[in-house]
């Protein structure tokens, strides 16, 4: 009788790998390299449409050339884009031909330095400035437009220069209010892949190719930021200011969110997620002031400026004082 073979042990069963969900964008679309590129193109197109809508609604802009910036011979080599590359885009793009010294980064440093010099020269006389940000799409019949006009007027009457991005919508409204008060009305424009124009209420216009230089001017010559409802560009300026305050680069600098209903969702999210998960400190939420009242916004700016001035005087006299603003 043949011996019984031992029963073979069955291989341990492994749990089935979880089904990987396809990667999707925040908008719910499936992601691949082509869709990301297409989304970028669509985003620029959408920005142009918002500027066009704001200019049409204003009715005060001069005729704008509809053609986009002329494409340079190197644009196709640097990146696959459907529009001409601005100087900022050429700086930030990776790769591309480097045979011409004028297209290299060391040469661009000279251009960037020149922009800083021009900006400092044109804005050197601004002693009391406030930057106002918000959507280019806001129509003149929108209550927020009227509020921005009033904010600009009240600030102007208190002796402040009003600084904007020079475009339509909220920017136009704030410049209009400043001009109504006889105050300096300043517009800091930026080169985009399409012609955008300057609103007619700007008295002093400074054109920039590089966002970094322009952002420096907004901060350096402002005592406060007033942030009206807007999109990514508005958010950029908001969080730039908050980051500079948080890292001690500037201080005694109010960041005023105008429009409690619009900003309520962001404030709730910052409290319930970012603060709750300790990504920021409790005091960071107090860096922002939320209001619907133009008079309150203007009063807050005036009080902050007086504090900045006292601190500067204390420093000049050898006193202690609070950390000084970077440009006071």
C-alpha atoms as a PDB file:
ATOM      1  CA  UNK A   1       0.000   0.000   0.000  1.00  0.00           C
ATOM      2  CA  UNK A   2       1.476   3.297  -1.126  1.00  0.00           C
ATOM      3  CA  UNK A   3       2.117   5.834   1.626  1.00  0.00           C
ATOM      4  CA  UNK A   4      -0.298   8.756   1.788  1.00  0.00           C
ATOM      5  CA  UNK A   5       1.018  11.974   0.462  1.00  0.00           C
ATOM      6  CA  UNK A   6       0.826  14.882   2.879  1.00  0.00           C
ATOM      7  CA  UNK A   7      -1.851  17.367   2.000  1.00  0.00           C
ATOM      8  CA  UNK A   8      -0.344  20.396   0.352  1.00  0.00           C
ATOM      9  CA  UNK A   9      -1.006  23.618   2.132  1.00  0.00           C
ATOM     10  CA  UNK A  10      -2.969  26.040   0.043  1.00  0.00           C
ATOM     11  CA  UNK A  11      -1.256  29.319  -0.692  1.00  0.00           C
ATOM     12  CA  UNK A  12      -2.474  32.126   1.559  1.00  0.00           C
ATOM     13  CA  UNK A  13      -5.050  34.260  -0.167  1.00  0.00           C
ATOM     14  CA  UNK A  14      -4.157  37.887  -0.634  1.00  0.00           C
ATOM     15  CA  UNK A  15      -6.667  40.649  -0.484  1.00  0.00           C
ATOM     16  CA  UNK A  16      -7.493  42.088  -3.851  1.00  0.00           C
ATOM     17  CA  UNK A  17      -5.747  45.354  -4.513  1.00  0.00           C
ATOM     18  CA  UNK A  18      -8.109  48.262  -4.158  1.00  0.00           C
ATOM     19  CA  UNK A  19      -9.241  49.652  -7.438  1.00  0.00           C
ATOM     20  CA  UNK A  20      -7.365  52.837  -8.130  1.00  0.00           C
ATOM     21  CA  UNK A  21      -9.647  55.676  -8.982  1.00  0.00           C
ATOM     22  CA  UNK A  22      -8.573  57.713 -11.985  1.00  0.00           C
ATOM     23  CA  UNK A  23      -6.920  60.988 -11.088  1.00  0.00           C
ATOM     24  CA  UNK A  24      -9.248  63.924 -11.566  1.00  0.00           C
ATOM     25  CA  UNK A  25      -8.995  67.680 -11.467  1.00  0.00           C
ATOM     26  CA  UNK A  26     -10.714  69.796  -8.839  1.00  0.00           C
ATOM     27  CA  UNK A  27     -13.339  70.413 -11.516  1.00  0.00           C
ATOM     28  CA  UNK A  28     -14.023  66.679 -11.853  1.00  0.00           C
ATOM     29  CA  UNK A  29     -12.291  65.955 -15.176  1.00  0.00           C
ATOM     30  CA  UNK A  30      -9.917  63.050 -15.777  1.00  0.00           C
ATOM     31  CA  UNK A  31      -6.276  64.079 -15.822  1.00  0.00           C
ATOM     32  CA  UNK A  32      -3.558  63.533 -18.411  1.00  0.00           C
ATOM     33  CA  UNK A  33      -0.789  65.729 -19.747  1.00  0.00           C
ATOM     34  CA  UNK A  34      -2.863  66.880 -22.709  1.00  0.00           C
ATOM     35  CA  UNK A  35      -5.845  67.829 -20.542  1.00  0.00           C
ATOM     36  CA  UNK A  36      -3.599  69.862 -18.241  1.00  0.00           C
ATOM     37  CA  UNK A  37      -2.205  71.789 -21.221  1.00  0.00           C
ATOM     38  CA  UNK A  38      -5.726  72.307 -22.592  1.00  0.00           C
ATOM     39  CA  UNK A  39      -6.902  73.575 -19.210  1.00  0.00           C
ATOM     40  CA  UNK A  40      -4.068  76.112 -19.175  1.00  0.00           C
ATOM     41  CA  UNK A  41      -5.050  77.383 -22.608  1.00  0.00           C
ATOM     42  CA  UNK A  42      -8.704  77.587 -21.553  1.00  0.00           C
ATOM     43  CA  UNK A  43      -7.730  79.478 -18.405  1.00  0.00           C
ATOM     44  CA  UNK A  44      -5.916  82.207 -20.372  1.00  0.00           C
ATOM     45  CA  UNK A  45      -8.872  82.413 -22.761  1.00  0.00           C
ATOM     46  CA  UNK A  46     -11.234  82.771 -19.804  1.00  0.00           C
ATOM     47  CA  UNK A  47      -9.100  85.557 -18.338  1.00  0.00           C
ATOM     48  CA  UNK A  48      -9.245  87.432 -21.636  1.00  0.00           C
ATOM     49  CA  UNK A  49     -13.023  87.000 -21.761  1.00  0.00           C
ATOM     50  CA  UNK A  50     -13.386  88.444 -18.253  1.00  0.00           C
ATOM     51  CA  UNK A  51     -11.246  91.453 -19.140  1.00  0.00           C
ATOM     52  CA  UNK A  52     -13.227  91.949 -22.366  1.00  0.00           C
ATOM     53  CA  UNK A  53     -16.498  91.781 -20.441  1.00  0.00           C
ATOM     54  CA  UNK A  54     -15.255  94.285 -17.873  1.00  0.00           C
ATOM     55  CA  UNK A  55     -14.139  96.732 -20.559  1.00  0.00           C
ATOM     56  CA  UNK A  56     -17.412  96.434 -22.482  1.00  0.00           C
ATOM     57  CA  UNK A  57     -19.434  96.966 -19.299  1.00  0.00           C
ATOM     58  CA  UNK A  58     -17.353 100.011 -18.412  1.00  0.00           C
ATOM     59  CA  UNK A  59     -17.909 101.731 -21.742  1.00  0.00           C
ATOM     60  CA  UNK A  60     -14.995 104.066 -20.995  1.00  0.00           C
ATOM     61  CA  UNK A  61     -12.066 102.101 -22.428  1.00  0.00           C
ATOM     62  CA  UNK A  62     -10.529 103.091 -25.726  1.00  0.00           C
ATOM     63  CA  UNK A  63     -10.777 100.573 -28.570  1.00  0.00           C
ATOM     64  CA  UNK A  64      -8.588  97.582 -27.814  1.00  0.00           C
ATOM     65  CA  UNK A  65      -6.696  95.689 -30.484  1.00  0.00           C
ATOM     66  CA  UNK A  66      -8.220  92.241 -30.683  1.00  0.00           C
ATOM     67  CA  UNK A  67      -5.060  90.503 -31.864  1.00  0.00           C
ATOM     68  CA  UNK A  68      -2.874  88.815 -29.303  1.00  0.00           C
ATOM     69  CA  UNK A  69       0.786  89.670 -28.764  1.00  0.00           C
ATOM     70  CA  UNK A  70       2.975  88.802 -31.716  1.00  0.00           C
ATOM     71  CA  UNK A  71       4.635  85.441 -31.377  1.00  0.00           C
ATOM     72  CA  UNK A  72       8.414  85.403 -31.273  1.00  0.00           C
ATOM     73  CA  UNK A  73      10.388  82.898 -33.324  1.00  0.00           C
ATOM     74  CA  UNK A  74      11.466  81.104 -30.153  1.00  0.00           C
ATOM     75  CA  UNK A  75       7.991  80.689 -28.675  1.00  0.00           C
ATOM     76  CA  UNK A  76       7.316  77.331 -30.319  1.00  0.00           C
ATOM     77  CA  UNK A  77      10.720  76.041 -29.295  1.00  0.00           C
ATOM     78  CA  UNK A  78      10.302  77.072 -25.673  1.00  0.00           C
ATOM     79  CA  UNK A  79       6.855  75.674 -25.064  1.00  0.00           C
ATOM     80  CA  UNK A  80       3.726  74.363 -26.737  1.00  0.00           C
ATOM     81  CA  UNK A  81       1.495  77.384 -26.373  1.00  0.00           C
ATOM     82  CA  UNK A  82      -1.433  78.715 -28.329  1.00  0.00           C
ATOM     83  CA  UNK A  83      -0.469  82.329 -27.649  1.00  0.00           C
ATOM     84  CA  UNK A  84       2.612  84.503 -27.623  1.00  0.00           C
ATOM     85  CA  UNK A  85       4.820  84.196 -24.577  1.00  0.00           C
ATOM     86  CA  UNK A  86       5.123  87.266 -22.356  1.00  0.00           C
ATOM     87  CA  UNK A  87       8.489  88.170 -20.839  1.00  0.00           C
ATOM     88  CA  UNK A  88       7.352  86.569 -17.584  1.00  0.00           C
ATOM     89  CA  UNK A  89       6.484  83.357 -19.429  1.00  0.00           C
ATOM     90  CA  UNK A  90       9.845  83.242 -21.190  1.00  0.00           C
ATOM     91  CA  UNK A  91      11.598  83.689 -17.850  1.00  0.00           C
ATOM     92  CA  UNK A  92       9.642  80.878 -16.193  1.00  0.00           C
ATOM     93  CA  UNK A  93       9.669  78.390 -19.084  1.00  0.00           C
ATOM     94  CA  UNK A  94      12.181  75.559 -18.836  1.00  0.00           C
ATOM     95  CA  UNK A  95      14.491  74.898 -21.791  1.00  0.00           C
ATOM     96  CA  UNK A  96      14.598  76.539 -25.188  1.00  0.00           C
ATOM     97  CA  UNK A  97      17.423  77.848 -27.378  1.00  0.00           C
ATOM     98  CA  UNK A  98      20.119  79.849 -25.630  1.00  0.00           C
ATOM     99  CA  UNK A  99      22.228  80.962 -28.592  1.00  0.00           C
ATOM    100  CA  UNK A 100      21.179  84.602 -28.351  1.00  0.00           C
ATOM    101  CA  UNK A 101      22.565  86.189 -25.185  1.00  0.00           C
ATOM    102  CA  UNK A 102      19.587  88.561 -25.023  1.00  0.00           C
ATOM    103  CA  UNK A 103      17.298  85.564 -24.422  1.00  0.00           C
ATOM    104  CA  UNK A 104      19.306  84.207 -21.508  1.00  0.00           C
ATOM    105  CA  UNK A 105      18.479  84.627 -17.841  1.00  0.00           C
ATOM    106  CA  UNK A 106      21.499  86.850 -16.981  1.00  0.00           C
ATOM    107  CA  UNK A 107      20.314  89.347 -19.614  1.00  0.00           C
ATOM    108  CA  UNK A 108      16.790  89.241 -18.193  1.00  0.00           C
ATOM    109  CA  UNK A 109      18.205  90.224 -14.818  1.00  0.00           C
ATOM    110  CA  UNK A 110      19.133  93.568 -16.401  1.00  0.00           C
ATOM    111  CA  UNK A 111      15.561  93.996 -17.665  1.00  0.00           C
ATOM    112  CA  UNK A 112      14.127  93.101 -14.276  1.00  0.00           C
ATOM    113  CA  UNK A 113      16.476  95.561 -12.580  1.00  0.00           C
ATOM    114  CA  UNK A 114      15.367  98.225 -15.060  1.00  0.00           C
ATOM    115  CA  UNK A 115      11.724  97.588 -14.164  1.00  0.00           C
ATOM    116  CA  UNK A 116      12.486  97.970 -10.476  1.00  0.00           C
ATOM    117  CA  UNK A 117      14.249 101.277 -11.165  1.00  0.00           C
ATOM    118  CA  UNK A 118      11.354 102.575 -13.275  1.00  0.00           C
ATOM    119  CA  UNK A 119       8.798 101.520 -10.669  1.00  0.00           C
ATOM    120  CA  UNK A 120      10.738 103.079  -7.791  1.00  0.00           C
ATOM    121  CA  UNK A 121      11.239 106.269  -9.790  1.00  0.00           C
ATOM    122  CA  UNK A 122       7.575 106.713 -10.761  1.00  0.00           C
ATOM    123  CA  UNK A 123       6.192 105.834  -7.329  1.00  0.00           C
ATOM    124  CA  UNK A 124       8.857 107.470  -5.155  1.00  0.00           C
ATOM    125  CA  UNK A 125       6.532 110.304  -4.111  1.00  0.00           C
ATOM    126  CA  UNK A 126       3.816 107.953  -2.810  1.00  0.00           C
ATOM    127  CA  UNK A 127       3.903 108.329   0.987  1.00  0.00           C
ATOM    128  CA  UNK A 128       0.367 107.189   1.833  1.00  0.00           C
ATOM    129  CA  UNK A 129      -0.775 104.457  -0.508  1.00  0.00           C
ATOM    130  CA  UNK A 130      -3.434 101.755  -0.435  1.00  0.00           C
ATOM    131  CA  UNK A 131      -3.727  98.942  -2.967  1.00  0.00           C
ATOM    132  CA  UNK A 132      -7.225  97.841  -3.948  1.00  0.00           C
ATOM    133  CA  UNK A 133      -7.795  94.493  -5.675  1.00  0.00           C
ATOM    134  CA  UNK A 134     -10.821  92.768  -7.157  1.00  0.00           C
ATOM    135  CA  UNK A 135     -12.404  91.319 -10.253  1.00  0.00           C
ATOM    136  CA  UNK A 136     -12.013  92.938 -13.667  1.00  0.00           C
ATOM    137  CA  UNK A 137     -15.451  91.550 -14.498  1.00  0.00           C
ATOM    138  CA  UNK A 138     -17.435  93.619 -11.991  1.00  0.00           C
ATOM    139  CA  UNK A 139     -19.967  95.785 -13.839  1.00  0.00           C
ATOM    140  CA  UNK A 140     -20.661  99.453 -13.018  1.00  0.00           C
ATOM    141  CA  UNK A 141     -24.191  98.510 -11.919  1.00  0.00           C
ATOM    142  CA  UNK A 142     -22.853  95.996  -9.383  1.00  0.00           C
ATOM    143  CA  UNK A 143     -23.090  97.114  -5.712  1.00  0.00           C
ATOM    144  CA  UNK A 144     -19.468  96.106  -5.236  1.00  0.00           C
ATOM    145  CA  UNK A 145     -18.427  98.558  -7.975  1.00  0.00           C
ATOM    146  CA  UNK A 146     -20.249 101.372  -6.176  1.00  0.00           C
ATOM    147  CA  UNK A 147     -18.615 100.314  -2.892  1.00  0.00           C
ATOM    148  CA  UNK A 148     -15.155 100.372  -4.491  1.00  0.00           C
ATOM    149  CA  UNK A 149     -15.800 103.878  -5.848  1.00  0.00           C
ATOM    150  CA  UNK A 150     -16.777 104.985  -2.343  1.00  0.00           C
ATOM    151  CA  UNK A 151     -13.731 103.315  -0.796  1.00  0.00           C
ATOM    152  CA  UNK A 152     -11.463 105.065  -3.298  1.00  0.00           C
ATOM    153  CA  UNK A 153     -13.178 108.408  -2.658  1.00  0.00           C
ATOM    154  CA  UNK A 154     -12.960 108.138   1.133  1.00  0.00           C
ATOM    155  CA  UNK A 155      -9.311 107.093   1.002  1.00  0.00           C
ATOM    156  CA  UNK A 156      -8.563 109.963  -1.362  1.00  0.00           C
ATOM    157  CA  UNK A 157     -10.224 112.460   0.957  1.00  0.00           C
ATOM    158  CA  UNK A 158      -7.989 111.183   3.761  1.00  0.00           C
ATOM    159  CA  UNK A 159      -4.914 111.910   1.647  1.00  0.00           C
ATOM    160  CA  UNK A 160      -4.176 108.389   0.428  1.00  0.00           C
ATOM    161  CA  UNK A 161      -3.017 107.459  -3.049  1.00  0.00           C
ATOM    162  CA  UNK A 162      -5.077 104.614  -4.515  1.00  0.00           C
ATOM    163  CA  UNK A 163      -3.121 101.903  -6.347  1.00  0.00           C
ATOM    164  CA  UNK A 164      -4.755  99.241  -8.557  1.00  0.00           C
ATOM    165  CA  UNK A 165      -3.904  96.898 -11.398  1.00  0.00           C
ATOM    166  CA  UNK A 166      -5.174  99.559 -13.851  1.00  0.00           C
ATOM    167  CA  UNK A 167      -7.835  97.317 -15.387  1.00  0.00           C
ATOM    168  CA  UNK A 168     -11.645  97.447 -15.517  1.00  0.00           C
ATOM    169  CA  UNK A 169     -14.133  96.386 -12.838  1.00  0.00           C
ATOM    170  CA  UNK A 170     -13.131  96.923  -9.216  1.00  0.00           C
ATOM    171  CA  UNK A 171      -9.804  98.421 -10.284  1.00  0.00           C
ATOM    172  CA  UNK A 172     -11.539 101.047 -12.396  1.00  0.00           C
ATOM    173  CA  UNK A 173     -14.005 101.796  -9.596  1.00  0.00           C
ATOM    174  CA  UNK A 174     -11.290 102.425  -6.996  1.00  0.00           C
ATOM    175  CA  UNK A 175      -9.313 104.645  -9.381  1.00  0.00           C
ATOM    176  CA  UNK A 176     -12.532 106.537 -10.193  1.00  0.00           C
ATOM    177  CA  UNK A 177     -13.190 107.205  -6.511  1.00  0.00           C
ATOM    178  CA  UNK A 178      -9.642 108.464  -5.992  1.00  0.00           C
ATOM    179  CA  UNK A 179      -9.944 110.792  -8.971  1.00  0.00           C
ATOM    180  CA  UNK A 180     -13.267 112.107  -7.656  1.00  0.00           C
ATOM    181  CA  UNK A 181     -11.482 113.083  -4.446  1.00  0.00           C
ATOM    182  CA  UNK A 182      -8.600 114.697  -6.321  1.00  0.00           C
ATOM    183  CA  UNK A 183      -6.169 112.124  -4.925  1.00  0.00           C
ATOM    184  CA  UNK A 184      -3.352 110.386  -6.819  1.00  0.00           C
ATOM    185  CA  UNK A 185      -4.841 107.511  -8.841  1.00  0.00           C
ATOM    186  CA  UNK A 186      -2.193 104.957  -9.777  1.00  0.00           C
ATOM    187  CA  UNK A 187      -2.383 101.928 -12.071  1.00  0.00           C
ATOM    188  CA  UNK A 188       0.248  99.182 -12.176  1.00  0.00           C
ATOM    189  CA  UNK A 189      -0.433  97.219 -15.343  1.00  0.00           C
ATOM    190  CA  UNK A 190       1.064  93.840 -16.296  1.00  0.00           C
ATOM    191  CA  UNK A 191       1.898  92.404 -19.703  1.00  0.00           C
ATOM    192  CA  UNK A 192      -0.552  89.647 -20.629  1.00  0.00           C
ATOM    193  CA  UNK A 193      -0.800  87.495 -23.766  1.00  0.00           C
ATOM    194  CA  UNK A 194      -3.547  89.847 -24.971  1.00  0.00           C
ATOM    195  CA  UNK A 195      -4.071  93.610 -25.041  1.00  0.00           C
ATOM    196  CA  UNK A 196      -5.861  94.748 -21.873  1.00  0.00           C
ATOM    197  CA  UNK A 197      -5.685  98.554 -21.776  1.00  0.00           C
ATOM    198  CA  UNK A 198      -5.734 100.983 -18.855  1.00  0.00           C
ATOM    199  CA  UNK A 199      -8.867 102.405 -17.285  1.00  0.00           C
ATOM    200  CA  UNK A 200      -9.386 106.158 -17.900  1.00  0.00           C
ATOM    201  CA  UNK A 201      -9.298 107.049 -14.188  1.00  0.00           C
ATOM    202  CA  UNK A 202      -5.581 106.291 -13.847  1.00  0.00           C
ATOM    203  CA  UNK A 203      -3.382 109.403 -13.549  1.00  0.00           C
ATOM    204  CA  UNK A 204      -0.043 107.658 -13.045  1.00  0.00           C
ATOM    205  CA  UNK A 205       0.493 104.508 -15.081  1.00  0.00           C
ATOM    206  CA  UNK A 206       3.360 102.057 -14.634  1.00  0.00           C
ATOM    207  CA  UNK A 207       3.634  99.084 -17.019  1.00  0.00           C
ATOM    208  CA  UNK A 208       5.391  95.899 -15.910  1.00  0.00           C
ATOM    209  CA  UNK A 209       6.541  92.770 -17.694  1.00  0.00           C
ATOM    210  CA  UNK A 210       7.328  90.786 -14.553  1.00  0.00           C
ATOM    211  CA  UNK A 211       4.773  89.908 -11.891  1.00  0.00           C
ATOM    212  CA  UNK A 212       7.400  89.805  -9.147  1.00  0.00           C
ATOM    213  CA  UNK A 213       8.366  93.435  -9.750  1.00  0.00           C
ATOM    214  CA  UNK A 214       4.745  94.564  -9.874  1.00  0.00           C
ATOM    215  CA  UNK A 215       3.892  92.700  -6.659  1.00  0.00           C
ATOM    216  CA  UNK A 216       6.820  94.418  -4.929  1.00  0.00           C
ATOM    217  CA  UNK A 217       5.410  97.829  -5.881  1.00  0.00           C
ATOM    218  CA  UNK A 218       1.962  96.981  -4.505  1.00  0.00           C
ATOM    219  CA  UNK A 219       3.467  96.037  -1.143  1.00  0.00           C
ATOM    220  CA  UNK A 220       6.207  98.653  -0.913  1.00  0.00           C
ATOM    221  CA  UNK A 221       3.986 101.657  -1.567  1.00  0.00           C
ATOM    222  CA  UNK A 222       0.922 100.528   0.381  1.00  0.00           C
ATOM    223  CA  UNK A 223      -0.092 100.926   3.997  1.00  0.00           C
ATOM    224  CA  UNK A 224      -2.867  98.342   3.563  1.00  0.00           C
ATOM    225  CA  UNK A 225      -4.562  96.025   1.080  1.00  0.00           C
ATOM    226  CA  UNK A 226      -8.313  96.166   0.456  1.00  0.00           C
ATOM    227  CA  UNK A 227      -9.471  92.969  -1.227  1.00  0.00           C
ATOM    228  CA  UNK A 228     -12.805  92.993  -3.044  1.00  0.00           C
ATOM    229  CA  UNK A 229     -14.366  89.837  -4.532  1.00  0.00           C
ATOM    230  CA  UNK A 230     -12.171  88.470  -7.292  1.00  0.00           C
ATOM    231  CA  UNK A 231     -10.455  85.406  -8.734  1.00  0.00           C
ATOM    232  CA  UNK A 232      -6.998  83.834  -8.674  1.00  0.00           C
ATOM    233  CA  UNK A 233      -5.154  87.137  -9.171  1.00  0.00           C
ATOM    234  CA  UNK A 234      -7.015  88.649  -6.225  1.00  0.00           C
ATOM    235  CA  UNK A 235      -6.324  85.545  -4.100  1.00  0.00           C
ATOM    236  CA  UNK A 236      -2.656  85.780  -5.057  1.00  0.00           C
ATOM    237  CA  UNK A 237      -2.346  89.298  -3.668  1.00  0.00           C
ATOM    238  CA  UNK A 238      -4.340  88.336  -0.553  1.00  0.00           C
ATOM    239  CA  UNK A 239      -2.175  85.366   0.374  1.00  0.00           C
ATOM    240  CA  UNK A 240       1.031  87.148  -0.641  1.00  0.00           C
ATOM    241  CA  UNK A 241       0.308  89.846   1.944  1.00  0.00           C
ATOM    242  CA  UNK A 242      -0.664  87.308   4.616  1.00  0.00           C
ATOM    243  CA  UNK A 243       2.536  85.330   3.999  1.00  0.00           C
ATOM    244  CA  UNK A 244       4.695  88.456   4.274  1.00  0.00           C
ATOM    245  CA  UNK A 245       3.011  89.374   7.559  1.00  0.00           C
ATOM    246  CA  UNK A 246       3.288  85.823   8.910  1.00  0.00           C
ATOM    247  CA  UNK A 247       7.007  85.673   8.087  1.00  0.00           C
ATOM    248  CA  UNK A 248       7.740  89.078   9.600  1.00  0.00           C
ATOM    249  CA  UNK A 249       8.606  90.819   6.333  1.00  0.00           C
ATOM    250  CA  UNK A 250       5.950  93.500   6.917  1.00  0.00           C
ATOM    251  CA  UNK A 251       3.925  94.437   9.983  1.00  0.00           C
ATOM    252  CA  UNK A 252       1.070  96.696  11.113  1.00  0.00           C
ATOM    253  CA  UNK A 253      -0.408  96.025   7.669  1.00  0.00           C
ATOM    254  CA  UNK A 254      -4.212  95.581   7.490  1.00  0.00           C
ATOM    255  CA  UNK A 255      -5.623  93.086   5.009  1.00  0.00           C
ATOM    256  CA  UNK A 256      -9.262  94.058   4.579  1.00  0.00           C
ATOM    257  CA  UNK A 257     -11.659  91.628   2.908  1.00  0.00           C
ATOM    258  CA  UNK A 258     -14.550  93.646   1.509  1.00  0.00           C
ATOM    259  CA  UNK A 259     -17.800  91.695   1.076  1.00  0.00           C
ATOM    260  CA  UNK A 260     -18.676  89.445   4.015  1.00  0.00           C
ATOM    261  CA  UNK A 261     -20.949  87.159   1.988  1.00  0.00           C
ATOM    262  CA  UNK A 262     -18.336  86.526  -0.719  1.00  0.00           C
ATOM    263  CA  UNK A 263     -15.493  85.796   1.706  1.00  0.00           C
ATOM    264  CA  UNK A 264     -17.569  83.809   4.236  1.00  0.00           C
ATOM    265  CA  UNK A 265     -16.827  80.451   2.603  1.00  0.00           C
ATOM    266  CA  UNK A 266     -13.080  81.047   2.565  1.00  0.00           C
ATOM    267  CA  UNK A 267     -13.081  82.208   6.177  1.00  0.00           C
ATOM    268  CA  UNK A 268     -15.092  79.135   7.234  1.00  0.00           C
ATOM    269  CA  UNK A 269     -12.713  76.809   5.407  1.00  0.00           C
ATOM    270  CA  UNK A 270      -9.650  78.456   6.929  1.00  0.00           C
ATOM    271  CA  UNK A 271     -11.186  78.056  10.391  1.00  0.00           C
ATOM    272  CA  UNK A 272     -12.622  74.548  10.012  1.00  0.00           C
ATOM    273  CA  UNK A 273      -9.767  72.952   8.058  1.00  0.00           C
ATOM    274  CA  UNK A 274      -6.546  74.944   7.970  1.00  0.00           C
ATOM    275  CA  UNK A 275      -6.711  76.223  11.555  1.00  0.00           C
ATOM    276  CA  UNK A 276      -8.369  73.074  12.939  1.00  0.00           C
ATOM    277  CA  UNK A 277      -5.544  70.947  11.496  1.00  0.00           C
ATOM    278  CA  UNK A 278      -2.997  73.411  12.927  1.00  0.00           C
ATOM    279  CA  UNK A 279      -1.593  74.427   9.554  1.00  0.00           C
ATOM    280  CA  UNK A 280      -1.847  78.020  10.781  1.00  0.00           C
ATOM    281  CA  UNK A 281      -1.984  79.572  14.247  1.00  0.00           C
ATOM    282  CA  UNK A 282      -5.137  81.017  15.849  1.00  0.00           C
ATOM    283  CA  UNK A 283      -3.702  84.516  15.604  1.00  0.00           C
ATOM    284  CA  UNK A 284      -3.303  84.169  11.845  1.00  0.00           C
ATOM    285  CA  UNK A 285      -7.057  84.470  11.405  1.00  0.00           C
ATOM    286  CA  UNK A 286      -6.873  87.898  13.023  1.00  0.00           C
ATOM    287  CA  UNK A 287      -4.606  89.173  10.246  1.00  0.00           C
ATOM    288  CA  UNK A 288      -7.740  89.679   8.120  1.00  0.00           C
ATOM    289  CA  UNK A 289     -10.573  92.136   8.694  1.00  0.00           C
ATOM    290  CA  UNK A 290     -13.943  91.516   7.019  1.00  0.00           C
ATOM    291  CA  UNK A 291     -16.394  94.341   6.331  1.00  0.00           C
ATOM    292  CA  UNK A 292     -19.162  95.641   4.059  1.00  0.00           C
ATOM    293  CA  UNK A 293     -18.725  99.272   5.091  1.00  0.00           C
ATOM    294  CA  UNK A 294     -16.522 101.601   2.983  1.00  0.00           C
ATOM    295  CA  UNK A 295     -16.224 104.051   5.892  1.00  0.00           C
ATOM    296  CA  UNK A 296     -15.009 101.293   8.243  1.00  0.00           C
ATOM    297  CA  UNK A 297     -12.463 100.120   5.670  1.00  0.00           C
ATOM    298  CA  UNK A 298     -11.116 103.653   5.195  1.00  0.00           C
ATOM    299  CA  UNK A 299     -11.020 104.236   8.964  1.00  0.00           C
ATOM    300  CA  UNK A 300      -9.052 101.014   9.498  1.00  0.00           C
ATOM    301  CA  UNK A 301      -6.508 102.077   6.876  1.00  0.00           C
ATOM    302  CA  UNK A 302      -6.121 105.513   8.467  1.00  0.00           C
ATOM    303  CA  UNK A 303      -5.603 104.055  11.952  1.00  0.00           C
ATOM    304  CA  UNK A 304      -3.005 101.603  10.645  1.00  0.00           C
ATOM    305  CA  UNK A 305      -1.129 104.367   8.845  1.00  0.00           C
ATOM    306  CA  UNK A 306      -1.017 106.468  12.015  1.00  0.00           C
ATOM    307  CA  UNK A 307       0.402 103.480  13.910  1.00  0.00           C
ATOM    308  CA  UNK A 308       2.998 102.893  11.192  1.00  0.00           C
ATOM    309  CA  UNK A 309       3.963 106.567  11.347  1.00  0.00           C
ATOM    310  CA  UNK A 310       4.334 106.516  15.157  1.00  0.00           C
ATOM    311  CA  UNK A 311       6.466 103.400  14.924  1.00  0.00           C
ATOM    312  CA  UNK A 312       8.690 105.021  12.315  1.00  0.00           C
ATOM    313  CA  UNK A 313       9.129 108.079  14.510  1.00  0.00           C
ATOM    314  CA  UNK A 314       9.988 105.932  17.515  1.00  0.00           C
ATOM    315  CA  UNK A 315      12.574 104.072  15.494  1.00  0.00           C
ATOM    316  CA  UNK A 316      14.035 107.326  14.174  1.00  0.00           C
ATOM    317  CA  UNK A 317      14.322 108.582  17.773  1.00  0.00           C
ATOM    318  CA  UNK A 318      15.973 105.380  18.917  1.00  0.00           C
ATOM    319  CA  UNK A 319      12.884 103.984  20.658  1.00  0.00           C
ATOM    320  CA  UNK A 320      11.810 100.374  20.755  1.00  0.00           C
ATOM    321  CA  UNK A 321       8.530 100.249  18.854  1.00  0.00           C
ATOM    322  CA  UNK A 322       7.067  97.369  16.944  1.00  0.00           C
ATOM    323  CA  UNK A 323       8.757  95.701  13.993  1.00  0.00           C
ATOM    324  CA  UNK A 324       8.906  98.314  11.263  1.00  0.00           C
ATOM    325  CA  UNK A 325       7.300  97.980   7.862  1.00  0.00           C
ATOM    326  CA  UNK A 326       9.819  97.180   5.214  1.00  0.00           C
ATOM    327  CA  UNK A 327       9.403 100.511   3.442  1.00  0.00           C
ATOM    328  CA  UNK A 328       8.509 102.948   6.234  1.00  0.00           C
END
